[in-house]
Amino acid sequence: MELSQKKCVPCEGGVPPMKPAEALKMQQHVKDWALLTINGIHNLEKRFKFKDFAEAMKFINKVAVLAEKEGHHPDITINWNKVTLQLSTHAIKGLSENDFIMAAKIDKL
C-alpha cells in the first residue's frame, strides 16, 4: 500500500526507533525529504518555498489540519516565504513509519 494511503497509528513509546538502514529504505518513498540527525535523534526534513508569506501560511494551515487528523505533528519553522518541516516520533526519540506516512501525505497537499 502506498504510504500516503496509510493512517498514522498512535505511538506511546516502548518501541525502538527505526534503524538507519530501514529509514534509508523508507526514504525511497519520500525522496525529496532529507534524513538528518539532530541532537542524536533521526529526523526527516523538507524545505518548501512559496511566493510570499500568505502562501506559506496557507500551506502551514493545510499541514496543521492533516497533522490533527493523523495525530502526528511536525516541527514547523517559517521564515517569510520559506517553510521547513521536520518529522520524528517524539515518544521514541527517532523515526517511525508514521513519519514517512506524514511526509508522503504532506507531499500530496
PDB file of N, CA and C in Angstrom:
ATOM      1  N   MET A   1       0.845  -1.187   0.000  1.00  0.00           N
ATOM      2  CA  MET A   1       0.000   0.000   0.000  1.00  0.00           C
ATOM      3  C   MET A   1       0.890   1.250   0.000  1.00  0.00           C
ATOM      4  N   GLU A   2       0.507   2.220  -0.810  1.00  0.00           N
ATOM      5  CA  GLU A   2       1.239   3.483  -0.880  1.00  0.00           C
ATOM      6  C   GLU A   2       1.202   4.172   0.485  1.00  0.00           C
ATOM      7  N   LEU A   3       2.323   4.770   0.892  1.00  0.00           N
ATOM      8  CA  LEU A   3       2.407   5.409   2.210  1.00  0.00           C
ATOM      9  C   LEU A   3       1.322   6.458   2.425  1.00  0.00           C
ATOM     10  N   SER A   4       1.024   7.238   1.400  1.00  0.00           N
ATOM     11  CA  SER A   4       0.035   8.311   1.569  1.00  0.00           C
ATOM     12  C   SER A   4      -1.373   7.774   1.804  1.00  0.00           C
ATOM     13  N   GLN A   5      -1.584   6.488   1.571  1.00  0.00           N
ATOM     14  CA  GLN A   5      -2.894   5.872   1.798  1.00  0.00           C
ATOM     15  C   GLN A   5      -3.002   5.268   3.194  1.00  0.00           C
ATOM     16  N   LYS A   6      -1.876   5.174   3.904  1.00  0.00           N
ATOM     17  CA  LYS A   6      -1.886   4.599   5.248  1.00  0.00           C
ATOM     18  C   LYS A   6      -2.312   5.646   6.267  1.00  0.00           C
ATOM     19  N   LYS A   7      -2.621   5.198   7.465  1.00  0.00           N
ATOM     20  CA  LYS A   7      -3.023   6.070   8.570  1.00  0.00           C
ATOM     21  C   LYS A   7      -1.969   5.965   9.664  1.00  0.00           C
ATOM     22  N   CYS A   8      -1.619   7.091  10.247  1.00  0.00           N
ATOM     23  CA  CYS A   8      -0.691   7.078  11.373  1.00  0.00           C
ATOM     24  C   CYS A   8      -1.349   6.367  12.557  1.00  0.00           C
ATOM     25  N   VAL A   9      -0.539   5.619  13.287  1.00  0.00           N
ATOM     26  CA  VAL A   9      -1.048   4.919  14.466  1.00  0.00           C
ATOM     27  C   VAL A   9      -0.410   5.542  15.701  1.00  0.00           C
ATOM     28  N   PRO A  10      -1.171   5.686  16.779  1.00  0.00           N
ATOM     29  CA  PRO A  10      -0.613   6.301  17.985  1.00  0.00           C
ATOM     30  C   PRO A  10       0.634   5.570  18.478  1.00  0.00           C
ATOM     31  N   CYS A  11       1.607   6.325  18.910  1.00  0.00           N
ATOM     32  CA  CYS A  11       2.842   5.755  19.444  1.00  0.00           C
ATOM     33  C   CYS A  11       3.033   6.306  20.848  1.00  0.00           C
ATOM     34  N   GLU A  12       2.991   5.431  21.826  1.00  0.00           N
ATOM     35  CA  GLU A  12       3.157   5.834  23.221  1.00  0.00           C
ATOM     36  C   GLU A  12       4.565   5.561  23.719  1.00  0.00           C
ATOM     37  N   GLY A  13       5.433   5.132  22.845  1.00  0.00           N
ATOM     38  CA  GLY A  13       6.787   4.788  23.260  1.00  0.00           C
ATOM     39  C   GLY A  13       6.879   3.294  23.525  1.00  0.00           C
ATOM     40  N   GLY A  14       7.983   2.878  24.102  1.00  0.00           N
ATOM     41  CA  GLY A  14       8.164   1.471  24.423  1.00  0.00           C
ATOM     42  C   GLY A  14       8.613   0.617  23.247  1.00  0.00           C
ATOM     43  N   VAL A  15       8.746   1.230  22.083  1.00  0.00           N
ATOM     44  CA  VAL A  15       9.259   0.514  20.915  1.00  0.00           C
ATOM     45  C   VAL A  15      10.508   1.256  20.450  1.00  0.00           C
ATOM     46  N   PRO A  16      11.450   0.543  19.868  1.00  0.00           N
ATOM     47  CA  PRO A  16      12.664   1.232  19.422  1.00  0.00           C
ATOM     48  C   PRO A  16      12.408   2.059  18.171  1.00  0.00           C
ATOM     49  N   PRO A  17      13.183   3.136  17.994  1.00  0.00           N
ATOM     50  CA  PRO A  17      13.073   3.890  16.743  1.00  0.00           C
ATOM     51  C   PRO A  17      13.581   3.049  15.574  1.00  0.00           C
ATOM     52  N   MET A  18      13.201   3.458  14.390  1.00  0.00           N
ATOM     53  CA  MET A  18      13.611   2.785  13.162  1.00  0.00           C
ATOM     54  C   MET A  18      15.140   2.818  13.041  1.00  0.00           C
ATOM     55  N   LYS A  19      15.702   1.715  12.622  1.00  0.00           N
ATOM     56  CA  LYS A  19      17.148   1.648  12.395  1.00  0.00           C
ATOM     57  C   LYS A  19      17.499   2.451  11.137  1.00  0.00           C
ATOM     58  N   PRO A  20      18.716   3.033  11.105  1.00  0.00           N
ATOM     59  CA  PRO A  20      19.106   3.853   9.947  1.00  0.00           C
ATOM     60  C   PRO A  20      18.947   3.149   8.599  1.00  0.00           C
ATOM     61  N   ALA A  21      19.274   1.866   8.514  1.00  0.00           N
ATOM     62  CA  ALA A  21      19.148   1.148   7.236  1.00  0.00           C
ATOM     63  C   ALA A  21      17.691   1.080   6.791  1.00  0.00           C
ATOM     64  N   GLU A  22      16.782   0.875   7.735  1.00  0.00           N
ATOM     65  CA  GLU A  22      15.358   0.831   7.402  1.00  0.00           C
ATOM     66  C   GLU A  22      14.868   2.219   6.992  1.00  0.00           C
ATOM     67  N   ALA A  23      15.364   3.254   7.683  1.00  0.00           N
ATOM     68  CA  ALA A  23      14.982   4.629   7.331  1.00  0.00           C
ATOM     69  C   ALA A  23      15.434   4.964   5.912  1.00  0.00           C
ATOM     70  N   LEU A  24      16.637   4.548   5.533  1.00  0.00           N
ATOM     71  CA  LEU A  24      17.122   4.786   4.165  1.00  0.00           C
ATOM     72  C   LEU A  24      16.235   4.092   3.140  1.00  0.00           C
ATOM     73  N   LYS A  25      15.793   2.904   3.461  1.00  0.00           N
ATOM     74  CA  LYS A  25      14.899   2.161   2.567  1.00  0.00           C
ATOM     75  C   LYS A  25      13.550   2.890   2.439  1.00  0.00           C
ATOM     76  N   MET A  26      13.021   3.343   3.560  1.00  0.00           N
ATOM     77  CA  MET A  26      11.734   4.056   3.548  1.00  0.00           C
ATOM     78  C   MET A  26      11.846   5.412   2.839  1.00  0.00           C
ATOM     79  N   GLN A  27      13.025   6.021   2.915  1.00  0.00           N
ATOM     80  CA  GLN A  27      13.224   7.333   2.297  1.00  0.00           C
ATOM     81  C   GLN A  27      13.010   7.272   0.784  1.00  0.00           C
ATOM     82  N   GLN A  28      13.163   6.117   0.193  1.00  0.00           N
ATOM     83  CA  GLN A  28      12.945   5.979  -1.249  1.00  0.00           C
ATOM     84  C   GLN A  28      11.518   6.356  -1.635  1.00  0.00           C
ATOM     85  N   HIS A  29      10.591   6.280  -0.685  1.00  0.00           N
ATOM     86  CA  HIS A  29       9.189   6.618  -0.942  1.00  0.00           C
ATOM     87  C   HIS A  29       8.917   8.116  -0.790  1.00  0.00           C
ATOM     88  N   VAL A  30       9.840   8.830  -0.153  1.00  0.00           N
ATOM     89  CA  VAL A  30       9.695  10.286   0.054  1.00  0.00           C
ATOM     90  C   VAL A  30      11.042  10.937  -0.272  1.00  0.00           C
ATOM     91  N   LYS A  31      11.442  10.813  -1.517  1.00  0.00           N
ATOM     92  CA  LYS A  31      12.796  11.155  -1.953  1.00  0.00           C
ATOM     93  C   LYS A  31      13.204  12.604  -1.702  1.00  0.00           C
ATOM     94  N   ASP A  32      12.266  13.518  -1.689  1.00  0.00           N
ATOM     95  CA  ASP A  32      12.616  14.926  -1.502  1.00  0.00           C
ATOM     96  C   ASP A  32      12.845  15.279  -0.037  1.00  0.00           C
ATOM     97  N   TRP A  33      12.630  14.337   0.856  1.00  0.00           N
ATOM     98  CA  TRP A  33      12.841  14.550   2.288  1.00  0.00           C
ATOM     99  C   TRP A  33      14.253  14.077   2.645  1.00  0.00           C
ATOM    100  N   ALA A  34      14.951  14.895   3.420  1.00  0.00           N
ATOM    101  CA  ALA A  34      16.311  14.560   3.844  1.00  0.00           C
ATOM    102  C   ALA A  34      16.272  13.827   5.181  1.00  0.00           C
ATOM    103  N   LEU A  35      17.154  12.866   5.332  1.00  0.00           N
ATOM    104  CA  LEU A  35      17.351  12.207   6.625  1.00  0.00           C
ATOM    105  C   LEU A  35      18.447  12.970   7.360  1.00  0.00           C
ATOM    106  N   LEU A  36      18.133  13.470   8.549  1.00  0.00           N
ATOM    107  CA  LEU A  36      19.090  14.237   9.340  1.00  0.00           C
ATOM    108  C   LEU A  36      19.161  13.674  10.746  1.00  0.00           C
ATOM    109  N   THR A  37      20.283  13.901  11.400  1.00  0.00           N
ATOM    110  CA  THR A  37      20.399  13.585  12.820  1.00  0.00           C
ATOM    111  C   THR A  37      20.597  14.905  13.547  1.00  0.00           C
ATOM    112  N   ILE A  38      19.660  15.215  14.444  1.00  0.00           N
ATOM    113  CA  ILE A  38      19.695  16.465  15.204  1.00  0.00           C
ATOM    114  C   ILE A  38      19.715  16.101  16.684  1.00  0.00           C
ATOM    115  N   ASN A  39      20.768  16.496  17.369  1.00  0.00           N
ATOM    116  CA  ASN A  39      20.937  16.153  18.789  1.00  0.00           C
ATOM    117  C   ASN A  39      20.795  14.651  19.026  1.00  0.00           C
ATOM    118  N   GLY A  40      21.352  13.863  18.118  1.00  0.00           N
ATOM    119  CA  GLY A  40      21.340  12.415  18.264  1.00  0.00           C
ATOM    120  C   GLY A  40      20.030  11.745  17.876  1.00  0.00           C
ATOM    121  N   ILE A  41      19.060  12.517  17.373  1.00  0.00           N
ATOM    122  CA  ILE A  41      17.745  11.972  17.011  1.00  0.00           C
ATOM    123  C   ILE A  41      17.573  12.059  15.496  1.00  0.00           C
ATOM    124  N   HIS A  42      17.216  10.936  14.878  1.00  0.00           N
ATOM    125  CA  HIS A  42      16.992  10.910  13.430  1.00  0.00           C
ATOM    126  C   HIS A  42      15.673  11.603  13.097  1.00  0.00           C
ATOM    127  N   ASN A  43      15.694  12.431  12.061  1.00  0.00           N
ATOM    128  CA  ASN A  43      14.550  13.214  11.600  1.00  0.00           C
ATOM    129  C   ASN A  43      14.454  13.148  10.084  1.00  0.00           C
ATOM    130  N   LEU A  44      13.261  13.440   9.598  1.00  0.00           N
ATOM    131  CA  LEU A  44      13.052  13.734   8.186  1.00  0.00           C
ATOM    132  C   LEU A  44      12.863  15.238   8.082  1.00  0.00           C
ATOM    133  N   GLU A  45      13.418  15.858   7.050  1.00  0.00           N
ATOM    134  CA  GLU A  45      13.263  17.302   6.889  1.00  0.00           C
ATOM    135  C   GLU A  45      13.044  17.634   5.422  1.00  0.00           C
ATOM    136  N   LYS A  46      12.166  18.600   5.212  1.00  0.00           N
ATOM    137  CA  LYS A  46      11.954  19.117   3.863  1.00  0.00           C
ATOM    138  C   LYS A  46      11.724  20.618   3.957  1.00  0.00           C
ATOM    139  N   ARG A  47      12.290  21.333   2.988  1.00  0.00           N
ATOM    140  CA  ARG A  47      12.126  22.789   2.912  1.00  0.00           C
ATOM    141  C   ARG A  47      11.256  23.120   1.713  1.00  0.00           C
ATOM    142  N   PHE A  48      10.371  24.059   1.922  1.00  0.00           N
ATOM    143  CA  PHE A  48       9.427  24.493   0.892  1.00  0.00           C
ATOM    144  C   PHE A  48       9.602  25.993   0.697  1.00  0.00           C
ATOM    145  N   LYS A  49       9.401  26.456  -0.533  1.00  0.00           N
ATOM    146  CA  LYS A  49       9.483  27.890  -0.827  1.00  0.00           C
ATOM    147  C   LYS A  49       8.205  28.307  -1.538  1.00  0.00           C
ATOM    148  N   PHE A  50       7.658  29.454  -1.126  1.00  0.00           N
ATOM    149  CA  PHE A  50       6.404  29.975  -1.662  1.00  0.00           C
ATOM    150  C   PHE A  50       6.612  31.389  -2.172  1.00  0.00           C
ATOM    151  N   LYS A  51       5.611  31.909  -2.880  1.00  0.00           N
ATOM    152  CA  LYS A  51       5.773  33.250  -3.458  1.00  0.00           C
ATOM    153  C   LYS A  51       5.770  34.344  -2.391  1.00  0.00           C
ATOM    154  N   ASP A  52       5.101  34.096  -1.257  1.00  0.00           N
ATOM    155  CA  ASP A  52       5.066  35.105  -0.204  1.00  0.00           C
ATOM    156  C   ASP A  52       4.630  34.471   1.122  1.00  0.00           C
ATOM    157  N   PHE A  53       4.565  35.291   2.147  1.00  0.00           N
ATOM    158  CA  PHE A  53       4.204  34.830   3.490  1.00  0.00           C
ATOM    159  C   PHE A  53       2.797  34.237   3.529  1.00  0.00           C
ATOM    160  N   ALA A  54       1.858  34.873   2.851  1.00  0.00           N
ATOM    161  CA  ALA A  54       0.471  34.394   2.864  1.00  0.00           C
ATOM    162  C   ALA A  54       0.369  32.971   2.296  1.00  0.00           C
ATOM    163  N   GLU A  55       1.082  32.706   1.196  1.00  0.00           N
ATOM    164  CA  GLU A  55       1.060  31.360   0.603  1.00  0.00           C
ATOM    165  C   GLU A  55       1.712  30.344   1.542  1.00  0.00           C
ATOM    166  N   ALA A  56       2.781  30.750   2.194  1.00  0.00           N
ATOM    167  CA  ALA A  56       3.438  29.864   3.154  1.00  0.00           C
ATOM    168  C   ALA A  56       2.481  29.521   4.298  1.00  0.00           C
ATOM    169  N   MET A  57       1.739  30.507   4.779  1.00  0.00           N
ATOM    170  CA  MET A  57       0.791  30.271   5.873  1.00  0.00           C
ATOM    171  C   MET A  57      -0.372  29.390   5.433  1.00  0.00           C
ATOM    172  N   LYS A  58      -0.833  29.541   4.203  1.00  0.00           N
ATOM    173  CA  LYS A  58      -1.885  28.647   3.693  1.00  0.00           C
ATOM    174  C   LYS A  58      -1.412  27.203   3.726  1.00  0.00           C
ATOM    175  N   PHE A  59      -0.169  26.991   3.312  1.00  0.00           N
ATOM    176  CA  PHE A  59       0.402  25.643   3.331  1.00  0.00           C
ATOM    177  C   PHE A  59       0.498  25.119   4.766  1.00  0.00           C
ATOM    178  N   ILE A  60       1.006  25.937   5.668  1.00  0.00           N
ATOM    179  CA  ILE A  60       1.133  25.520   7.069  1.00  0.00           C
ATOM    180  C   ILE A  60      -0.233  25.149   7.640  1.00  0.00           C
ATOM    181  N   ASN A  61      -1.255  25.914   7.299  1.00  0.00           N
ATOM    182  CA  ASN A  61      -2.600  25.593   7.794  1.00  0.00           C
ATOM    183  C   ASN A  61      -3.087  24.246   7.262  1.00  0.00           C
ATOM    184  N   LYS A  62      -2.768  23.927   6.010  1.00  0.00           N
ATOM    185  CA  LYS A  62      -3.128  22.614   5.458  1.00  0.00           C
ATOM    186  C   LYS A  62      -2.379  21.504   6.201  1.00  0.00           C
ATOM    187  N   VAL A  63      -1.106  21.745   6.485  1.00  0.00           N
ATOM    188  CA  VAL A  63      -0.308  20.770   7.238  1.00  0.00           C
ATOM    189  C   VAL A  63      -0.901  20.585   8.635  1.00  0.00           C
ATOM    190  N   ALA A  64      -1.325  21.674   9.261  1.00  0.00           N
ATOM    191  CA  ALA A  64      -1.906  21.599  10.611  1.00  0.00           C
ATOM    192  C   ALA A  64      -3.178  20.752  10.631  1.00  0.00           C
ATOM    193  N   VAL A  65      -4.038  20.941   9.644  1.00  0.00           N
ATOM    194  CA  VAL A  65      -5.268  20.147   9.560  1.00  0.00           C
ATOM    195  C   VAL A  65      -4.926  18.669   9.390  1.00  0.00           C
ATOM    196  N   LEU A  66      -3.991  18.375   8.504  1.00  0.00           N
ATOM    197  CA  LEU A  66      -3.557  16.997   8.283  1.00  0.00           C
ATOM    198  C   LEU A  66      -2.959  16.405   9.559  1.00  0.00           C
ATOM    199  N   ALA A  67      -2.111  17.166  10.246  1.00  0.00           N
ATOM    200  CA  ALA A  67      -1.460  16.685  11.468  1.00  0.00           C
ATOM    201  C   ALA A  67      -2.493  16.347  12.537  1.00  0.00           C
ATOM    202  N   GLU A  68      -3.497  17.176  12.682  1.00  0.00           N
ATOM    203  CA  GLU A  68      -4.553  16.900  13.663  1.00  0.00           C
ATOM    204  C   GLU A  68      -5.325  15.641  13.289  1.00  0.00           C
ATOM    205  N   LYS A  69      -5.615  15.499  12.012  1.00  0.00           N
ATOM    206  CA  LYS A  69      -6.348  14.323  11.535  1.00  0.00           C
ATOM    207  C   LYS A  69      -5.556  13.037  11.780  1.00  0.00           C
ATOM    208  N   GLU A  70      -4.248  13.097  11.554  1.00  0.00           N
ATOM    209  CA  GLU A  70      -3.389  11.922  11.686  1.00  0.00           C
ATOM    210  C   GLU A  70      -2.873  11.723  13.114  1.00  0.00           C
ATOM    211  N   GLY A  71      -2.967  12.757  13.944  1.00  0.00           N
ATOM    212  CA  GLY A  71      -2.435  12.652  15.301  1.00  0.00           C
ATOM    213  C   GLY A  71      -0.914  12.585  15.326  1.00  0.00           C
ATOM    214  N   HIS A  72      -0.296  13.193  14.338  1.00  0.00           N
ATOM    215  CA  HIS A  72       1.174  13.174  14.231  1.00  0.00           C
ATOM    216  C   HIS A  72       1.605  14.547  13.721  1.00  0.00           C
ATOM    217  N   HIS A  73       2.382  15.271  14.506  1.00  0.00           N
ATOM    218  CA  HIS A  73       2.630  16.686  14.267  1.00  0.00           C
ATOM    219  C   HIS A  73       4.098  16.980  13.955  1.00  0.00           C
ATOM    220  N   PRO A  74       4.355  17.652  12.834  1.00  0.00           N
ATOM    221  CA  PRO A  74       5.738  18.025  12.508  1.00  0.00           C
ATOM    222  C   PRO A  74       6.176  19.249  13.294  1.00  0.00           C
ATOM    223  N   ASP A  75       7.473  19.430  13.396  1.00  0.00           N
ATOM    224  CA  ASP A  75       8.020  20.691  13.881  1.00  0.00           C
ATOM    225  C   ASP A  75       8.061  21.607  12.664  1.00  0.00           C
ATOM    226  N   ILE A  76       7.591  22.837  12.834  1.00  0.00           N
ATOM    227  CA  ILE A  76       7.432  23.775  11.721  1.00  0.00           C
ATOM    228  C   ILE A  76       8.243  25.039  11.993  1.00  0.00           C
ATOM    229  N   THR A  77       9.032  25.447  11.000  1.00  0.00           N
ATOM    230  CA  THR A  77       9.745  26.721  11.059  1.00  0.00           C
ATOM    231  C   THR A  77       9.340  27.515   9.821  1.00  0.00           C
ATOM    232  N   ILE A  78       9.003  28.795  10.037  1.00  0.00           N
ATOM    233  CA  ILE A  78       8.645  29.650   8.900  1.00  0.00           C
ATOM    234  C   ILE A  78       9.527  30.896   8.912  1.00  0.00           C
ATOM    235  N   ASN A  79      10.032  31.237   7.739  1.00  0.00           N
ATOM    236  CA  ASN A  79      10.800  32.453   7.520  1.00  0.00           C
ATOM    237  C   ASN A  79      10.237  33.107   6.269  1.00  0.00           C
ATOM    238  N   TRP A  80       9.334  34.032   6.447  1.00  0.00           N
ATOM    239  CA  TRP A  80       8.603  34.753   5.416  1.00  0.00           C
ATOM    240  C   TRP A  80       8.029  33.815   4.371  1.00  0.00           C
ATOM    241  N   ASN A  81       8.742  33.500   3.290  1.00  0.00           N
ATOM    242  CA  ASN A  81       8.168  32.649   2.238  1.00  0.00           C
ATOM    243  C   ASN A  81       8.754  31.234   2.243  1.00  0.00           C
ATOM    244  N   LYS A  82       9.473  30.892   3.302  1.00  0.00           N
ATOM    245  CA  LYS A  82      10.096  29.572   3.398  1.00  0.00           C
ATOM    246  C   LYS A  82       9.558  28.826   4.609  1.00  0.00           C
ATOM    247  N   VAL A  83       9.282  27.540   4.404  1.00  0.00           N
ATOM    248  CA  VAL A  83       8.789  26.681   5.483  1.00  0.00           C
ATOM    249  C   VAL A  83       9.700  25.462   5.549  1.00  0.00           C
ATOM    250  N   THR A  84      10.119  25.127   6.759  1.00  0.00           N
ATOM    251  CA  THR A  84      10.874  23.895   6.987  1.00  0.00           C
ATOM    252  C   THR A  84      10.042  23.009   7.894  1.00  0.00           C
ATOM    253  N   LEU A  85       9.851  21.765   7.472  1.00  0.00           N
ATOM    254  CA  LEU A  85       9.135  20.784   8.281  1.00  0.00           C
ATOM    255  C   LEU A  85      10.113  19.704   8.705  1.00  0.00           C
ATOM    256  N   GLN A  86      10.047  19.338   9.973  1.00  0.00           N
ATOM    257  CA  GLN A  86      10.836  18.229  10.495  1.00  0.00           C
ATOM    258  C   GLN A  86       9.887  17.232  11.133  1.00  0.00           C
ATOM    259  N   LEU A  87      10.112  15.969  10.811  1.00  0.00           N
ATOM    260  CA  LEU A  87       9.297  14.887  11.353  1.00  0.00           C
ATOM    261  C   LEU A  87      10.164  13.904  12.122  1.00  0.00           C
ATOM    262  N   SER A  88       9.722  13.562  13.305  1.00  0.00           N
ATOM    263  CA  SER A  88      10.281  12.459  14.084  1.00  0.00           C
ATOM    264  C   SER A  88       9.183  12.061  15.063  1.00  0.00           C
ATOM    265  N   THR A  89       9.329  10.893  15.624  1.00  0.00           N
ATOM    266  CA  THR A  89       8.339  10.425  16.601  1.00  0.00           C
ATOM    267  C   THR A  89       8.925  10.701  17.976  1.00  0.00           C
ATOM    268  N   HIS A  90       8.425  11.763  18.600  1.00  0.00           N
ATOM    269  CA  HIS A  90       8.995  12.232  19.860  1.00  0.00           C
ATOM    270  C   HIS A  90       8.964  11.169  20.957  1.00  0.00           C
ATOM    271  N   ALA A  91       7.914  10.354  20.992  1.00  0.00           N
ATOM    272  CA  ALA A  91       7.757   9.352  22.050  1.00  0.00           C
ATOM    273  C   ALA A  91       8.872   8.305  22.033  1.00  0.00           C
ATOM    274  N   ILE A  92       9.499   8.093  20.873  1.00  0.00           N
ATOM    275  CA  ILE A  92      10.571   7.098  20.790  1.00  0.00           C
ATOM    276  C   ILE A  92      11.912   7.738  20.435  1.00  0.00           C
ATOM    277  N   LYS A  93      11.924   9.066  20.361  1.00  0.00           N
ATOM    278  CA  LYS A  93      13.151   9.811  20.058  1.00  0.00           C
ATOM    279  C   LYS A  93      13.831   9.310  18.780  1.00  0.00           C
ATOM    280  N   GLY A  94      13.056   9.237  17.723  1.00  0.00           N
ATOM    281  CA  GLY A  94      13.591   8.800  16.445  1.00  0.00           C
ATOM    282  C   GLY A  94      12.492   8.658  15.419  1.00  0.00           C
ATOM    283  N   LEU A  95      12.774   7.941  14.361  1.00  0.00           N
ATOM    284  CA  LEU A  95      11.818   7.779  13.272  1.00  0.00           C
ATOM    285  C   LEU A  95      10.977   6.523  13.422  1.00  0.00           C
ATOM    286  N   SER A  96       9.735   6.646  12.985  1.00  0.00           N
ATOM    287  CA  SER A  96       8.821   5.503  12.891  1.00  0.00           C
ATOM    288  C   SER A  96       8.138   5.587  11.526  1.00  0.00           C
ATOM    289  N   GLU A  97       7.375   4.566  11.191  1.00  0.00           N
ATOM    290  CA  GLU A  97       6.651   4.591   9.919  1.00  0.00           C
ATOM    291  C   GLU A  97       5.746   5.813   9.840  1.00  0.00           C
ATOM    292  N   ASN A  98       5.209   6.276  10.975  1.00  0.00           N
ATOM    293  CA  ASN A  98       4.332   7.446  10.986  1.00  0.00           C
ATOM    294  C   ASN A  98       4.985   8.659  10.326  1.00  0.00           C
ATOM    295  N   ASP A  99       6.271   8.832  10.540  1.00  0.00           N
ATOM    296  CA  ASP A  99       6.969   9.993   9.961  1.00  0.00           C
ATOM    297  C   ASP A  99       6.981   9.931   8.438  1.00  0.00           C
ATOM    298  N   PHE A 100       7.164   8.754   7.913  1.00  0.00           N
ATOM    299  CA  PHE A 100       7.181   8.580   6.459  1.00  0.00           C
ATOM    300  C   PHE A 100       5.766   8.686   5.879  1.00  0.00           C
ATOM    301  N   ILE A 101       4.770   8.215   6.625  1.00  0.00           N
ATOM    302  CA  ILE A 101       3.372   8.370   6.208  1.00  0.00           C
ATOM    303  C   ILE A 101       3.035   9.855   6.121  1.00  0.00           C
ATOM    304  N   MET A 102       3.391  10.601   7.171  1.00  0.00           N
ATOM    305  CA  MET A 102       3.098  12.045   7.158  1.00  0.00           C
ATOM    306  C   MET A 102       3.844  12.755   6.030  1.00  0.00           C
ATOM    307  N   ALA A 103       5.094  12.403   5.802  1.00  0.00           N
ATOM    308  CA  ALA A 103       5.858  13.031   4.716  1.00  0.00           C
ATOM    309  C   ALA A 103       5.155  12.780   3.377  1.00  0.00           C
ATOM    310  N   ALA A 104       4.710  11.556   3.145  1.00  0.00           N
ATOM    311  CA  ALA A 104       4.026  11.226   1.884  1.00  0.00           C
ATOM    312  C   ALA A 104       2.711  12.003   1.766  1.00  0.00           C
ATOM    313  N   LYS A 105       1.990  12.116   2.870  1.00  0.00           N
ATOM    314  CA  LYS A 105       0.705  12.852   2.840  1.00  0.00           C
ATOM    315  C   LYS A 105       0.948  14.345   2.629  1.00  0.00           C
ATOM    316  N   ILE A 106       1.978  14.890   3.256  1.00  0.00           N
ATOM    317  CA  ILE A 106       2.292  16.305   3.063  1.00  0.00           C
ATOM    318  C   ILE A 106       2.666  16.561   1.609  1.00  0.00           C
ATOM    319  N   ASP A 107       3.398  15.650   1.000  1.00  0.00           N
ATOM    320  CA  ASP A 107       3.767  15.812  -0.413  1.00  0.00           C
ATOM    321  C   ASP A 107       2.540  15.849  -1.324  1.00  0.00           C
ATOM    322  N   LYS A 108       1.422  15.289  -0.900  1.00  0.00           N
ATOM    323  CA  LYS A 108       0.186  15.289  -1.703  1.00  0.00           C
ATOM    324  C   LYS A 108      -0.610  16.581  -1.562  1.00  0.00           C
ATOM    325  N   LEU A 109      -0.252  17.425  -0.557  1.00  0.00           N
ATOM    326  CA  LEU A 109      -1.018  18.671  -0.339  1.00  0.00           C
ATOM    327  C   LEU A 109      -0.863  19.625  -1.504  1.00  0.00           C
TER     328      LEU A 109
END
